[in-house]
PDB file of N, CA and C in Angstrom:
ATOM      1  N   UNK A   1     121.906  75.259  67.220  1.00  0.00           N
ATOM      2  CA  UNK A   1     121.444  75.974  68.323  1.00  0.00           C
ATOM      3  C   UNK A   1     120.143  76.589  68.573  1.00  0.00           C
ATOM      4  N   UNK A   2     119.112  76.018  69.455  1.00  0.00           N
ATOM      5  CA  UNK A   2     117.868  76.846  69.463  1.00  0.00           C
ATOM      6  C   UNK A   2     117.922  78.294  69.751  1.00  0.00           C
ATOM      7  N   UNK A   3     116.666  78.759  69.117  1.00  0.00           N
ATOM      8  CA  UNK A   3     116.628  80.052  69.519  1.00  0.00           C
ATOM      9  C   UNK A   3     115.605  80.360  70.853  1.00  0.00           C
ATOM     10  N   UNK A   4     116.398  80.674  72.248  1.00  0.00           N
ATOM     11  CA  UNK A   4     115.629  80.850  73.251  1.00  0.00           C
ATOM     12  C   UNK A   4     114.736  81.965  73.181  1.00  0.00           C
ATOM     13  N   UNK A   5     114.939  83.013  72.927  1.00  0.00           N
ATOM     14  CA  UNK A   5     114.284  83.946  73.133  1.00  0.00           C
ATOM     15  C   UNK A   5     113.931  84.832  72.079  1.00  0.00           C
ATOM     16  N   UNK A   6     112.911  85.845  72.161  1.00  0.00           N
ATOM     17  CA  UNK A   6     112.402  86.595  71.148  1.00  0.00           C
ATOM     18  C   UNK A   6     112.776  87.725  71.207  1.00  0.00           C
ATOM     19  N   UNK A   7     113.153  88.339  70.117  1.00  0.00           N
ATOM     20  CA  UNK A   7     113.963  89.614  70.215  1.00  0.00           C
ATOM     21  C   UNK A   7     113.191  90.943  70.928  1.00  0.00           C
ATOM     22  N   UNK A   8     111.822  91.121  70.630  1.00  0.00           N
ATOM     23  CA  UNK A   8     110.874  91.948  71.376  1.00  0.00           C
ATOM     24  C   UNK A   8     110.984  91.713  72.899  1.00  0.00           C
ATOM     25  N   UNK A   9     110.774  90.208  73.453  1.00  0.00           N
ATOM     26  CA  UNK A   9     110.746  90.003  74.716  1.00  0.00           C
ATOM     27  C   UNK A   9     112.256  90.271  75.339  1.00  0.00           C
ATOM     28  N   UNK A  10     113.211  89.741  74.538  1.00  0.00           N
ATOM     29  CA  UNK A  10     114.726  90.287  75.056  1.00  0.00           C
ATOM     30  C   UNK A  10     114.913  91.778  75.262  1.00  0.00           C
ATOM     31  N   UNK A  11     114.426  92.569  74.354  1.00  0.00           N
ATOM     32  CA  UNK A  11     114.590  94.058  74.465  1.00  0.00           C
ATOM     33  C   UNK A  11     113.697  94.807  75.968  1.00  0.00           C
ATOM     34  N   UNK A  12     112.502  94.167  75.799  1.00  0.00           N
ATOM     35  CA  UNK A  12     111.696  94.578  76.952  1.00  0.00           C
ATOM     36  C   UNK A  12     112.033  94.119  78.233  1.00  0.00           C
ATOM     37  N   UNK A  13     112.497  92.926  78.549  1.00  0.00           N
ATOM     38  CA  UNK A  13     112.496  92.548  79.882  1.00  0.00           C
ATOM     39  C   UNK A  13     114.313  93.321  80.243  1.00  0.00           C
ATOM     40  N   UNK A  14     115.246  93.277  79.174  1.00  0.00           N
ATOM     41  CA  UNK A  14     116.331  93.913  79.390  1.00  0.00           C
ATOM     42  C   UNK A  14     116.388  95.331  79.791  1.00  0.00           C
ATOM     43  N   UNK A  15     115.162  96.205  78.917  1.00  0.00           N
ATOM     44  CA  UNK A  15     115.049  97.394  79.370  1.00  0.00           C
ATOM     45  C   UNK A  15     114.281  97.605  80.611  1.00  0.00           C
ATOM     46  N   UNK A  16     113.622  96.935  81.466  1.00  0.00           N
ATOM     47  CA  UNK A  16     112.787  96.698  82.647  1.00  0.00           C
ATOM     48  C   UNK A  16     114.096  96.279  83.644  1.00  0.00           C
ATOM     49  N   UNK A  17     114.946  95.663  83.465  1.00  0.00           N
ATOM     50  CA  UNK A  17     115.867  95.342  84.728  1.00  0.00           C
ATOM     51  C   UNK A  17     116.876  96.264  84.413  1.00  0.00           C
ATOM     52  N   UNK A  18     117.156  97.176  83.547  1.00  0.00           N
ATOM     53  CA  UNK A  18     118.025  98.576  83.597  1.00  0.00           C
ATOM     54  C   UNK A  18     117.112  99.483  84.439  1.00  0.00           C
ATOM     55  N   UNK A  19     115.993  99.736  84.099  1.00  0.00           N
ATOM     56  CA  UNK A  19     114.839 100.631  84.853  1.00  0.00           C
ATOM     57  C   UNK A  19     115.107 100.274  86.103  1.00  0.00           C
ATOM     58  N   UNK A  20     115.081  98.997  86.679  1.00  0.00           N
ATOM     59  CA  UNK A  20     115.396  98.682  88.086  1.00  0.00           C
ATOM     60  C   UNK A  20     116.485  99.274  88.777  1.00  0.00           C
ATOM     61  N   UNK A  21     117.719  99.013  88.029  1.00  0.00           N
ATOM     62  CA  UNK A  21     118.984  99.257  88.731  1.00  0.00           C
ATOM     63  C   UNK A  21     119.131 100.912  88.710  1.00  0.00           C
ATOM     64  N   UNK A  22     118.552 101.701  87.559  1.00  0.00           N
ATOM     65  CA  UNK A  22     118.313 103.025  87.461  1.00  0.00           C
ATOM     66  C   UNK A  22     117.593 103.555  88.654  1.00  0.00           C
ATOM     67  N   UNK A  23     116.597 102.623  89.147  1.00  0.00           N
ATOM     68  CA  UNK A  23     115.513 103.499  90.132  1.00  0.00           C
ATOM     69  C   UNK A  23     116.528 103.298  91.457  1.00  0.00           C
ATOM     70  N   UNK A  24     117.189 102.258  91.755  1.00  0.00           N
ATOM     71  CA  UNK A  24     118.224 102.014  92.860  1.00  0.00           C
ATOM     72  C   UNK A  24     119.257 103.056  92.998  1.00  0.00           C
ATOM     73  N   UNK A  25     119.611 103.480  91.855  1.00  0.00           N
ATOM     74  CA  UNK A  25     120.542 104.916  91.854  1.00  0.00           C
ATOM     75  C   UNK A  25     119.690 106.132  92.628  1.00  0.00           C
ATOM     76  N   UNK A  26     118.635 105.931  92.229  1.00  0.00           N
ATOM     77  CA  UNK A  26     117.571 107.132  93.094  1.00  0.00           C
ATOM     78  C   UNK A  26     117.173 106.808  94.318  1.00  0.00           C
ATOM     79  N   UNK A  27     116.596 105.514  94.646  1.00  0.00           N
ATOM     80  CA  UNK A  27     115.919 105.470  95.969  1.00  0.00           C
ATOM     81  C   UNK A  27     115.595 104.189  95.835  1.00  0.00           C
ATOM     82  N   UNK A  28     115.487 103.266  97.317  1.00  0.00           N
ATOM     83  CA  UNK A  28     114.838 102.149  97.293  1.00  0.00           C
ATOM     84  C   UNK A  28     113.267 102.137  96.739  1.00  0.00           C
ATOM     85  N   UNK A  29     112.910 103.274  97.358  1.00  0.00           N
ATOM     86  CA  UNK A  29     111.148 103.320  97.125  1.00  0.00           C
ATOM     87  C   UNK A  29     111.001 103.506  95.721  1.00  0.00           C
ATOM     88  N   UNK A  30     112.124 104.152  94.990  1.00  0.00           N
ATOM     89  CA  UNK A  30     111.809 104.165  93.283  1.00  0.00           C
ATOM     90  C   UNK A  30     111.715 102.791  92.715  1.00  0.00           C
ATOM     91  N   UNK A  31     111.841 101.844  93.424  1.00  0.00           N
ATOM     92  CA  UNK A  31     111.926 100.417  92.683  1.00  0.00           C
ATOM     93  C   UNK A  31     110.379  99.773  93.076  1.00  0.00           C
ATOM     94  N   UNK A  32     109.747 100.418  94.023  1.00  0.00           N
ATOM     95  CA  UNK A  32     108.413  99.759  94.318  1.00  0.00           C
ATOM     96  C   UNK A  32     107.448  99.452  93.140  1.00  0.00           C
ATOM     97  N   UNK A  33     107.059 100.716  92.316  1.00  0.00           N
ATOM     98  CA  UNK A  33     106.332 100.470  91.187  1.00  0.00           C
ATOM     99  C   UNK A  33     106.702  99.419  90.305  1.00  0.00           C
ATOM    100  N   UNK A  34     108.025  98.965  90.363  1.00  0.00           N
ATOM    101  CA  UNK A  34     108.301  97.896  89.197  1.00  0.00           C
ATOM    102  C   UNK A  34     108.079  96.268  89.937  1.00  0.00           C
ATOM    103  N   UNK A  35     107.973  96.409  91.363  1.00  0.00           N
ATOM    104  CA  UNK A  35     107.646  94.864  92.015  1.00  0.00           C
ATOM    105  C   UNK A  35     106.296  94.387  91.695  1.00  0.00           C
ATOM    106  N   UNK A  36     106.211  92.843  91.769  1.00  0.00           N
ATOM    107  CA  UNK A  36     105.113  92.518  91.632  1.00  0.00           C
ATOM    108  C   UNK A  36     104.091  92.556  92.887  1.00  0.00           C
ATOM    109  N   UNK A  37     103.243  91.865  92.932  1.00  0.00           N
ATOM    110  CA  UNK A  37     102.378  91.896  94.413  1.00  0.00           C
ATOM    111  C   UNK A  37     103.058  90.857  95.245  1.00  0.00           C
ATOM    112  N   UNK A  38     103.936  90.007  95.087  1.00  0.00           N
ATOM    113  CA  UNK A  38     104.416  89.312  96.144  1.00  0.00           C
ATOM    114  C   UNK A  38     106.026  88.988  95.660  1.00  0.00           C
ATOM    115  N   UNK A  39     106.709  90.024  95.896  1.00  0.00           N
ATOM    116  CA  UNK A  39     108.099  89.492  95.362  1.00  0.00           C
ATOM    117  C   UNK A  39     109.157  89.228  96.175  1.00  0.00           C
ATOM    118  N   UNK A  40     110.276  88.395  95.883  1.00  0.00           N
ATOM    119  CA  UNK A  40     111.112  87.903  96.564  1.00  0.00           C
ATOM    120  C   UNK A  40     112.298  88.255  95.926  1.00  0.00           C
ATOM    121  N   UNK A  41     113.576  88.811  97.038  1.00  0.00           N
ATOM    122  CA  UNK A  41     114.664  89.062  96.716  1.00  0.00           C
ATOM    123  C   UNK A  41     115.696  88.573  97.485  1.00  0.00           C
ATOM    124  N   UNK A  42     116.696  87.750  96.974  1.00  0.00           N
ATOM    125  CA  UNK A  42     117.667  87.100  97.610  1.00  0.00           C
ATOM    126  C   UNK A  42     119.173  87.754  97.419  1.00  0.00           C
ATOM    127  N   UNK A  43     119.803  88.057  98.644  1.00  0.00           N
ATOM    128  CA  UNK A  43     120.890  88.643  98.402  1.00  0.00           C
ATOM    129  C   UNK A  43     122.272  88.098  98.997  1.00  0.00           C
ATOM    130  N   UNK A  44     123.351  88.166  98.800  1.00  0.00           N
ATOM    131  CA  UNK A  44     124.435  87.584  99.553  1.00  0.00           C
ATOM    132  C   UNK A  44     124.418  87.803 101.015  1.00  0.00           C
ATOM    133  N   UNK A  45     125.055  87.293 101.866  1.00  0.00           N
ATOM    134  CA  UNK A  45     124.851  87.448 102.997  1.00  0.00           C
ATOM    135  C   UNK A  45     123.654  86.795 104.011  1.00  0.00           C
ATOM    136  N   UNK A  46     123.179  85.712 103.429  1.00  0.00           N
ATOM    137  CA  UNK A  46     121.861  85.260 104.046  1.00  0.00           C
ATOM    138  C   UNK A  46     120.906  86.030 104.128  1.00  0.00           C
ATOM    139  N   UNK A  47     120.681  87.076 103.281  1.00  0.00           N
ATOM    140  CA  UNK A  47     119.364  87.867 103.101  1.00  0.00           C
ATOM    141  C   UNK A  47     118.394  87.499 102.081  1.00  0.00           C
ATOM    142  N   UNK A  48     117.125  86.981 102.898  1.00  0.00           N
ATOM    143  CA  UNK A  48     115.866  86.853 101.888  1.00  0.00           C
ATOM    144  C   UNK A  48     114.890  87.903 102.429  1.00  0.00           C
ATOM    145  N   UNK A  49     114.382  88.380 101.290  1.00  0.00           N
ATOM    146  CA  UNK A  49     113.344  89.651 101.751  1.00  0.00           C
ATOM    147  C   UNK A  49     112.024  89.287 101.103  1.00  0.00           C
ATOM    148  N   UNK A  50     111.025  89.351 101.665  1.00  0.00           N
ATOM    149  CA  UNK A  50     109.788  89.257 100.881  1.00  0.00           C
ATOM    150  C   UNK A  50     108.661  90.211 101.311  1.00  0.00           C
ATOM    151  N   UNK A  51     107.786  90.122 100.975  1.00  0.00           N
ATOM    152  CA  UNK A  51     106.472  91.017 101.736  1.00  0.00           C
ATOM    153  C   UNK A  51     106.123  90.671 103.093  1.00  0.00           C
ATOM    154  N   UNK A  52     106.513  89.407 103.508  1.00  0.00           N
ATOM    155  CA  UNK A  52     106.246  88.952 104.919  1.00  0.00           C
ATOM    156  C   UNK A  52     107.490  88.595 105.551  1.00  0.00           C
ATOM    157  N   UNK A  53     108.497  88.823 105.246  1.00  0.00           N
ATOM    158  CA  UNK A  53     109.966  88.831 105.880  1.00  0.00           C
ATOM    159  C   UNK A  53     109.947  89.976 107.028  1.00  0.00           C
ATOM    160  N   UNK A  54     110.876  89.715 108.018  1.00  0.00           N
ATOM    161  CA  UNK A  54     111.323  90.611 109.172  1.00  0.00           C
ATOM    162  C   UNK A  54     112.593  91.092 109.071  1.00  0.00           C
ATOM    163  N   UNK A  55     112.996  92.409 108.479  1.00  0.00           N
ATOM    164  CA  UNK A  55     112.099  93.183 107.705  1.00  0.00           C
ATOM    165  C   UNK A  55     111.425  93.052 106.486  1.00  0.00           C
ATOM    166  N   UNK A  56     110.386  93.380 106.094  1.00  0.00           N
ATOM    167  CA  UNK A  56     109.655  93.301 104.679  1.00  0.00           C
ATOM    168  C   UNK A  56     110.725  93.901 103.565  1.00  0.00           C
ATOM    169  N   UNK A  57     110.542  93.468 102.557  1.00  0.00           N
ATOM    170  CA  UNK A  57     111.353  94.012 101.637  1.00  0.00           C
ATOM    171  C   UNK A  57     110.691  95.652 101.418  1.00  0.00           C
ATOM    172  N   UNK A  58     109.525  95.597 101.300  1.00  0.00           N
ATOM    173  CA  UNK A  58     109.359  97.252 101.204  1.00  0.00           C
ATOM    174  C   UNK A  58     109.760  97.962 102.475  1.00  0.00           C
ATOM    175  N   UNK A  59     109.939  97.533 103.552  1.00  0.00           N
ATOM    176  CA  UNK A  59     110.565  98.377 104.772  1.00  0.00           C
ATOM    177  C   UNK A  59     111.623  98.666 104.463  1.00  0.00           C
ATOM    178  N   UNK A  60     112.507  97.586 103.807  1.00  0.00           N
ATOM    179  CA  UNK A  60     114.017  97.995 103.384  1.00  0.00           C
ATOM    180  C   UNK A  60     114.390  98.959 102.465  1.00  0.00           C
ATOM    181  N   UNK A  61     113.228  98.813 101.382  1.00  0.00           N
ATOM    182  CA  UNK A  61     113.562  99.849 100.371  1.00  0.00           C
ATOM    183  C   UNK A  61     112.948 101.315 100.720  1.00  0.00           C
ATOM    184  N   UNK A  62     112.044 101.253 101.813  1.00  0.00           N
ATOM    185  CA  UNK A  62     111.549 102.587 102.374  1.00  0.00           C
ATOM    186  C   UNK A  62     112.584 103.045 103.243  1.00  0.00           C
ATOM    187  N   UNK A  63     113.363 102.709 103.843  1.00  0.00           N
ATOM    188  CA  UNK A  63     114.454 102.885 105.217  1.00  0.00           C
ATOM    189  C   UNK A  63     114.966 104.059 104.613  1.00  0.00           C
ATOM    190  N   UNK A  64     115.244 105.013 105.561  1.00  0.00           N
ATOM    191  CA  UNK A  64     116.022 106.167 105.264  1.00  0.00           C
ATOM    192  C   UNK A  64     117.206 106.068 105.195  1.00  0.00           C
ATOM    193  N   UNK A  65     117.882 104.731 105.794  1.00  0.00           N
ATOM    194  CA  UNK A  65     119.142 104.646 105.683  1.00  0.00           C
ATOM    195  C   UNK A  65     119.364 103.604 104.319  1.00  0.00           C
ATOM    196  N   UNK A  66     118.566 103.436 103.578  1.00  0.00           N
ATOM    197  CA  UNK A  66     118.783 102.801 102.269  1.00  0.00           C
ATOM    198  C   UNK A  66     119.824 103.771 101.574  1.00  0.00           C
ATOM    199  N   UNK A  67     120.994 102.971 100.849  1.00  0.00           N
ATOM    200  CA  UNK A  67     122.028 103.763 100.269  1.00  0.00           C
ATOM    201  C   UNK A  67     122.069 103.634  98.982  1.00  0.00           C
ATOM    202  N   UNK A  68     121.441 104.536  97.586  1.00  0.00           N
ATOM    203  CA  UNK A  68     121.310 104.264  96.413  1.00  0.00           C
ATOM    204  C   UNK A  68     122.771 103.780  95.712  1.00  0.00           C
ATOM    205  N   UNK A  69     122.612 102.960  94.785  1.00  0.00           N
ATOM    206  CA  UNK A  69     123.714 102.855  93.982  1.00  0.00           C
ATOM    207  C   UNK A  69     124.313 104.093  93.390  1.00  0.00           C
ATOM    208  N   UNK A  70     125.740 104.513  93.142  1.00  0.00           N
ATOM    209  CA  UNK A  70     126.139 105.425  92.404  1.00  0.00           C
ATOM    210  C   UNK A  70     125.961 105.139  90.830  1.00  0.00           C
ATOM    211  N   UNK A  71     126.397 104.170  90.429  1.00  0.00           N
ATOM    212  CA  UNK A  71     126.745 103.537  88.943  1.00  0.00           C
ATOM    213  C   UNK A  71     126.716 102.254  89.088  1.00  0.00           C
ATOM    214  N   UNK A  72     126.186 101.704  87.720  1.00  0.00           N
ATOM    215  CA  UNK A  72     125.835 100.484  87.583  1.00  0.00           C
ATOM    216  C   UNK A  72     126.194 100.253  85.876  1.00  0.00           C
ATOM    217  N   UNK A  73     126.311  99.045  85.744  1.00  0.00           N
ATOM    218  CA  UNK A  73     126.811  98.468  84.528  1.00  0.00           C
ATOM    219  C   UNK A  73     126.191  96.825  84.445  1.00  0.00           C
ATOM    220  N   UNK A  74     125.477  96.648  83.367  1.00  0.00           N
ATOM    221  CA  UNK A  74     124.978  95.388  83.158  1.00  0.00           C
ATOM    222  C   UNK A  74     125.810  94.817  81.892  1.00  0.00           C
ATOM    223  N   UNK A  75     126.323  93.434  81.827  1.00  0.00           N
ATOM    224  CA  UNK A  75     126.723  92.997  80.779  1.00  0.00           C
ATOM    225  C   UNK A  75     126.411  91.362  80.568  1.00  0.00           C
ATOM    226  N   UNK A  76     126.464  90.809  79.347  1.00  0.00           N
ATOM    227  CA  UNK A  76     126.071  89.716  79.121  1.00  0.00           C
ATOM    228  C   UNK A  76     124.882  89.253  79.437  1.00  0.00           C
ATOM    229  N   UNK A  77     123.845  90.187  79.285  1.00  0.00           N
ATOM    230  CA  UNK A  77     122.294  89.674  79.785  1.00  0.00           C
ATOM    231  C   UNK A  77     121.783  88.882  78.527  1.00  0.00           C
ATOM    232  N   UNK A  78     120.952  87.835  79.033  1.00  0.00           N
ATOM    233  CA  UNK A  78     120.303  87.195  78.553  1.00  0.00           C
ATOM    234  C   UNK A  78     118.807  86.933  78.721  1.00  0.00           C
ATOM    235  N   UNK A  79     117.827  86.759  78.115  1.00  0.00           N
ATOM    236  CA  UNK A  79     116.435  86.423  78.638  1.00  0.00           C
ATOM    237  C   UNK A  79     116.081  85.250  77.891  1.00  0.00           C
ATOM    238  N   UNK A  80     115.107  84.209  78.941  1.00  0.00           N
ATOM    239  CA  UNK A  80     114.588  83.172  78.836  1.00  0.00           C
ATOM    240  C   UNK A  80     113.152  83.217  78.863  1.00  0.00           C
ATOM    241  N   UNK A  81     112.142  83.022  77.977  1.00  0.00           N
ATOM    242  CA  UNK A  81     110.792  83.243  78.213  1.00  0.00           C
ATOM    243  C   UNK A  81     110.347  81.918  79.079  1.00  0.00           C
ATOM    244  N   UNK A  82     109.493  82.058  80.287  1.00  0.00           N
ATOM    245  CA  UNK A  82     109.386  80.984  81.109  1.00  0.00           C
ATOM    246  C   UNK A  82     107.766  80.550  80.604  1.00  0.00           C
ATOM    247  N   UNK A  83     107.168  80.929  79.831  1.00  0.00           N
ATOM    248  CA  UNK A  83     105.684  80.913  79.722  1.00  0.00           C
ATOM    249  C   UNK A  83     105.087  82.149  78.910  1.00  0.00           C
ATOM    250  N   UNK A  84     103.911  82.302  78.797  1.00  0.00           N
ATOM    251  CA  UNK A  84     103.206  83.395  78.103  1.00  0.00           C
ATOM    252  C   UNK A  84     103.582  84.836  78.637  1.00  0.00           C
ATOM    253  N   UNK A  85     103.657  84.810  79.960  1.00  0.00           N
ATOM    254  CA  UNK A  85     103.456  86.297  80.877  1.00  0.00           C
ATOM    255  C   UNK A  85     104.772  86.007  81.679  1.00  0.00           C
ATOM    256  N   UNK A  86     106.064  85.452  81.461  1.00  0.00           N
ATOM    257  CA  UNK A  86     106.694  85.405  82.544  1.00  0.00           C
ATOM    258  C   UNK A  86     108.057  85.299  81.597  1.00  0.00           C
ATOM    259  N   UNK A  87     109.372  85.718  82.577  1.00  0.00           N
ATOM    260  CA  UNK A  87     110.393  85.502  81.506  1.00  0.00           C
ATOM    261  C   UNK A  87     111.551  85.911  83.025  1.00  0.00           C
ATOM    262  N   UNK A  88     112.781  85.054  82.354  1.00  0.00           N
ATOM    263  CA  UNK A  88     113.987  85.490  83.431  1.00  0.00           C
ATOM    264  C   UNK A  88     114.979  86.027  82.674  1.00  0.00           C
ATOM    265  N   UNK A  89     115.535  87.045  83.243  1.00  0.00           N
ATOM    266  CA  UNK A  89     116.777  87.559  82.788  1.00  0.00           C
ATOM    267  C   UNK A  89     118.176  87.314  83.604  1.00  0.00           C
ATOM    268  N   UNK A  90     119.131  86.935  82.865  1.00  0.00           N
ATOM    269  CA  UNK A  90     120.508  86.722  83.853  1.00  0.00           C
ATOM    270  C   UNK A  90     121.627  87.378  83.393  1.00  0.00           C
ATOM    271  N   UNK A  91     122.564  87.944  84.379  1.00  0.00           N
ATOM    272  CA  UNK A  91     123.469  88.932  83.555  1.00  0.00           C
ATOM    273  C   UNK A  91     124.445  89.016  84.513  1.00  0.00           C
ATOM    274  N   UNK A  92     125.635  89.908  84.309  1.00  0.00           N
ATOM    275  CA  UNK A  92     126.687  90.199  85.448  1.00  0.00           C
ATOM    276  C   UNK A  92     126.251  91.649  85.492  1.00  0.00           C
ATOM    277  N   UNK A  93     126.937  92.077  86.874  1.00  0.00           N
ATOM    278  CA  UNK A  93     126.364  93.553  87.075  1.00  0.00           C
ATOM    279  C   UNK A  93     127.928  93.939  87.878  1.00  0.00           C
ATOM    280  N   UNK A  94     128.172  95.310  87.488  1.00  0.00           N
ATOM    281  CA  UNK A  94     129.411  95.909  88.316  1.00  0.00           C
ATOM    282  C   UNK A  94     128.613  97.146  88.805  1.00  0.00           C
ATOM    283  N   UNK A  95     128.433  97.440  90.201  1.00  0.00           N
ATOM    284  CA  UNK A  95     128.026  98.857  90.724  1.00  0.00           C
ATOM    285  C   UNK A  95     128.829  99.298  91.578  1.00  0.00           C
ATOM    286  N   UNK A  96     128.398 100.604  91.956  1.00  0.00           N
ATOM    287  CA  UNK A  96     129.424 101.166  92.745  1.00  0.00           C
ATOM    288  C   UNK A  96     128.483 102.001  93.789  1.00  0.00           C
ATOM    289  N   UNK A  97     128.900 101.978  94.875  1.00  0.00           N
ATOM    290  CA  UNK A  97     128.545 102.553  96.139  1.00  0.00           C
ATOM    291  C   UNK A  97     129.330 102.952  97.188  1.00  0.00           C
ATOM    292  N   UNK A  98     129.301 104.189  97.806  1.00  0.00           N
ATOM    293  CA  UNK A  98     130.170 104.595  98.825  1.00  0.00           C
ATOM    294  C   UNK A  98     131.825 103.943  98.572  1.00  0.00           C
ATOM    295  N   UNK A  99     132.207 104.406  97.184  1.00  0.00           N
ATOM    296  CA  UNK A  99     133.466 103.835  96.663  1.00  0.00           C
ATOM    297  C   UNK A  99     133.864 102.449  96.684  1.00  0.00           C
ATOM    298  N   UNK A 100     132.720 101.592  97.100  1.00  0.00           N
ATOM    299  CA  UNK A 100     133.062  99.980  96.901  1.00  0.00           C
ATOM    300  C   UNK A 100     132.410  99.504  95.774  1.00  0.00           C
ATOM    301  N   UNK A 101     133.101  98.884  94.907  1.00  0.00           N
ATOM    302  CA  UNK A 101     132.427  98.071  93.872  1.00  0.00           C
ATOM    303  C   UNK A 101     131.992  96.568  94.264  1.00  0.00           C
ATOM    304  N   UNK A 102     130.802  96.685  93.443  1.00  0.00           N
ATOM    305  CA  UNK A 102     130.286  95.368  93.984  1.00  0.00           C
ATOM    306  C   UNK A 102     130.060  94.799  92.466  1.00  0.00           C
ATOM    307  N   UNK A 103     130.298  93.419  92.499  1.00  0.00           N
ATOM    308  CA  UNK A 103     130.221  92.566  91.000  1.00  0.00           C
ATOM    309  C   UNK A 103     129.560  91.193  91.593  1.00  0.00           C
ATOM    310  N   UNK A 104     128.688  91.141  90.740  1.00  0.00           N
ATOM    311  CA  UNK A 104     127.653  89.837  90.604  1.00  0.00           C
ATOM    312  C   UNK A 104     127.217  89.381  89.557  1.00  0.00           C
ATOM    313  N   UNK A 105     126.565  88.068  89.790  1.00  0.00           N
ATOM    314  CA  UNK A 105     126.052  87.516  88.827  1.00  0.00           C
ATOM    315  C   UNK A 105     124.564  87.558  89.280  1.00  0.00           C
ATOM    316  N   UNK A 106     123.536  88.015  88.368  1.00  0.00           N
ATOM    317  CA  UNK A 106     121.954  88.315  88.877  1.00  0.00           C
ATOM    318  C   UNK A 106     121.180  87.967  88.009  1.00  0.00           C
ATOM    319  N   UNK A 107     120.051  87.389  88.461  1.00  0.00           N
ATOM    320  CA  UNK A 107     118.964  86.754  87.810  1.00  0.00           C
ATOM    321  C   UNK A 107     117.463  87.449  88.322  1.00  0.00           C
ATOM    322  N   UNK A 108     116.801  87.705  87.615  1.00  0.00           N
ATOM    323  CA  UNK A 108     115.430  88.379  87.946  1.00  0.00           C
ATOM    324  C   UNK A 108     114.249  87.535  87.267  1.00  0.00           C
ATOM    325  N   UNK A 109     113.218  87.155  87.539  1.00  0.00           N
ATOM    326  CA  UNK A 109     111.991  86.945  86.987  1.00  0.00           C
ATOM    327  C   UNK A 109     110.981  88.096  86.770  1.00  0.00           C
ATOM    328  N   UNK A 110     110.448  88.093  85.780  1.00  0.00           N
ATOM    329  CA  UNK A 110     109.534  89.159  85.408  1.00  0.00           C
ATOM    330  C   UNK A 110     108.457  88.699  85.067  1.00  0.00           C
ATOM    331  N   UNK A 111     107.073  89.042  85.535  1.00  0.00           N
ATOM    332  CA  UNK A 111     105.846  88.559  85.199  1.00  0.00           C
ATOM    333  C   UNK A 111     104.876  89.455  85.118  1.00  0.00           C
ATOM    334  N   UNK A 112     103.692  89.187  84.179  1.00  0.00           N
ATOM    335  CA  UNK A 112     102.801  89.979  83.913  1.00  0.00           C
ATOM    336  C   UNK A 112     101.533  90.100  85.079  1.00  0.00           C
ATOM    337  N   UNK A 113     101.594  91.278  85.354  1.00  0.00           N
ATOM    338  CA  UNK A 113     100.567  91.344  86.382  1.00  0.00           C
ATOM    339  C   UNK A 113      99.504  92.466  85.806  1.00  0.00           C
ATOM    340  N   UNK A 114      98.200  92.105  85.301  1.00  0.00           N
ATOM    341  CA  UNK A 114      97.341  93.341  84.885  1.00  0.00           C
ATOM    342  C   UNK A 114      97.784  94.056  83.552  1.00  0.00           C
ATOM    343  N   UNK A 115      98.748  93.154  82.862  1.00  0.00           N
ATOM    344  CA  UNK A 115      98.871  93.510  81.430  1.00  0.00           C
ATOM    345  C   UNK A 115     100.326  94.385  81.612  1.00  0.00           C
ATOM    346  N   UNK A 116     101.114  94.520  82.872  1.00  0.00           N
ATOM    347  CA  UNK A 116     102.393  95.142  82.922  1.00  0.00           C
ATOM    348  C   UNK A 116     103.222  94.253  83.549  1.00  0.00           C
ATOM    349  N   UNK A 117     104.574  94.282  83.036  1.00  0.00           N
ATOM    350  CA  UNK A 117     105.727  93.597  83.654  1.00  0.00           C
ATOM    351  C   UNK A 117     105.978  94.035  84.918  1.00  0.00           C
ATOM    352  N   UNK A 118     106.192  93.075  85.733  1.00  0.00           N
ATOM    353  CA  UNK A 118     106.513  93.362  87.402  1.00  0.00           C
ATOM    354  C   UNK A 118     107.757  92.466  87.658  1.00  0.00           C
ATOM    355  N   UNK A 119     108.532  92.741  88.441  1.00  0.00           N
ATOM    356  CA  UNK A 119     109.630  91.743  88.953  1.00  0.00           C
ATOM    357  C   UNK A 119     108.882  91.127  89.926  1.00  0.00           C
ATOM    358  N   UNK A 120     109.104  89.702  90.022  1.00  0.00           N
ATOM    359  CA  UNK A 120     108.716  88.632  90.808  1.00  0.00           C
ATOM    360  C   UNK A 120     109.841  88.331  92.146  1.00  0.00           C
ATOM    361  N   UNK A 121     110.992  88.120  91.169  1.00  0.00           N
ATOM    362  CA  UNK A 121     112.117  87.771  92.071  1.00  0.00           C
ATOM    363  C   UNK A 121     113.480  88.356  91.554  1.00  0.00           C
ATOM    364  N   UNK A 122     114.518  88.705  92.345  1.00  0.00           N
ATOM    365  CA  UNK A 122     115.790  89.015  92.147  1.00  0.00           C
ATOM    366  C   UNK A 122     116.710  88.164  92.902  1.00  0.00           C
ATOM    367  N   UNK A 123     117.860  87.716  92.414  1.00  0.00           N
ATOM    368  CA  UNK A 123     118.820  87.276  92.974  1.00  0.00           C
ATOM    369  C   UNK A 123     120.285  87.518  92.796  1.00  0.00           C
ATOM    370  N   UNK A 124     121.111  87.509  93.898  1.00  0.00           N
ATOM    371  CA  UNK A 124     122.439  88.201  93.333  1.00  0.00           C
ATOM    372  C   UNK A 124     123.287  87.277  94.034  1.00  0.00           C
ATOM    373  N   UNK A 125     124.407  87.016  93.354  1.00  0.00           N
ATOM    374  CA  UNK A 125     125.723  85.923  93.664  1.00  0.00           C
ATOM    375  C   UNK A 125     126.893  86.757  93.403  1.00  0.00           C
ATOM    376  N   UNK A 126     127.489  86.919  94.472  1.00  0.00           N
ATOM    377  CA  UNK A 126     128.699  87.756  94.525  1.00  0.00           C
ATOM    378  C   UNK A 126     130.011  86.925  93.546  1.00  0.00           C
ATOM    379  N   UNK A 127     130.793  87.744  92.815  1.00  0.00           N
ATOM    380  CA  UNK A 127     131.735  86.959  92.116  1.00  0.00           C
ATOM    381  C   UNK A 127     132.991  88.005  92.307  1.00  0.00           C
TER     382      UNK A 127
END
């Protein structure tokens, strides 16, 4: 079986993905520093948010009505290098908000911009 990932890359990307979820336990705006210059987020319920969507991803994250997650747990996370400066992480998440449990399979693409890893895309599929 081929070795698809390098341990250092896996550790770095998994740490960043957990940092993104931790930010969303604080506020939507807390995620902004981790996003690439042109991020795309695809959520259940026919929602695609980008820098140019209406509303924009940034508007949604800054909205006063944004409800932070209360808790989250990631499992079965795997990372695949997509090139020299990009990687994909996929995993299962269980998170809570307003006494509601959310379960999904997620993936995020991370790219290097100006020497820093930034989230370029995030997608969630309910399970």
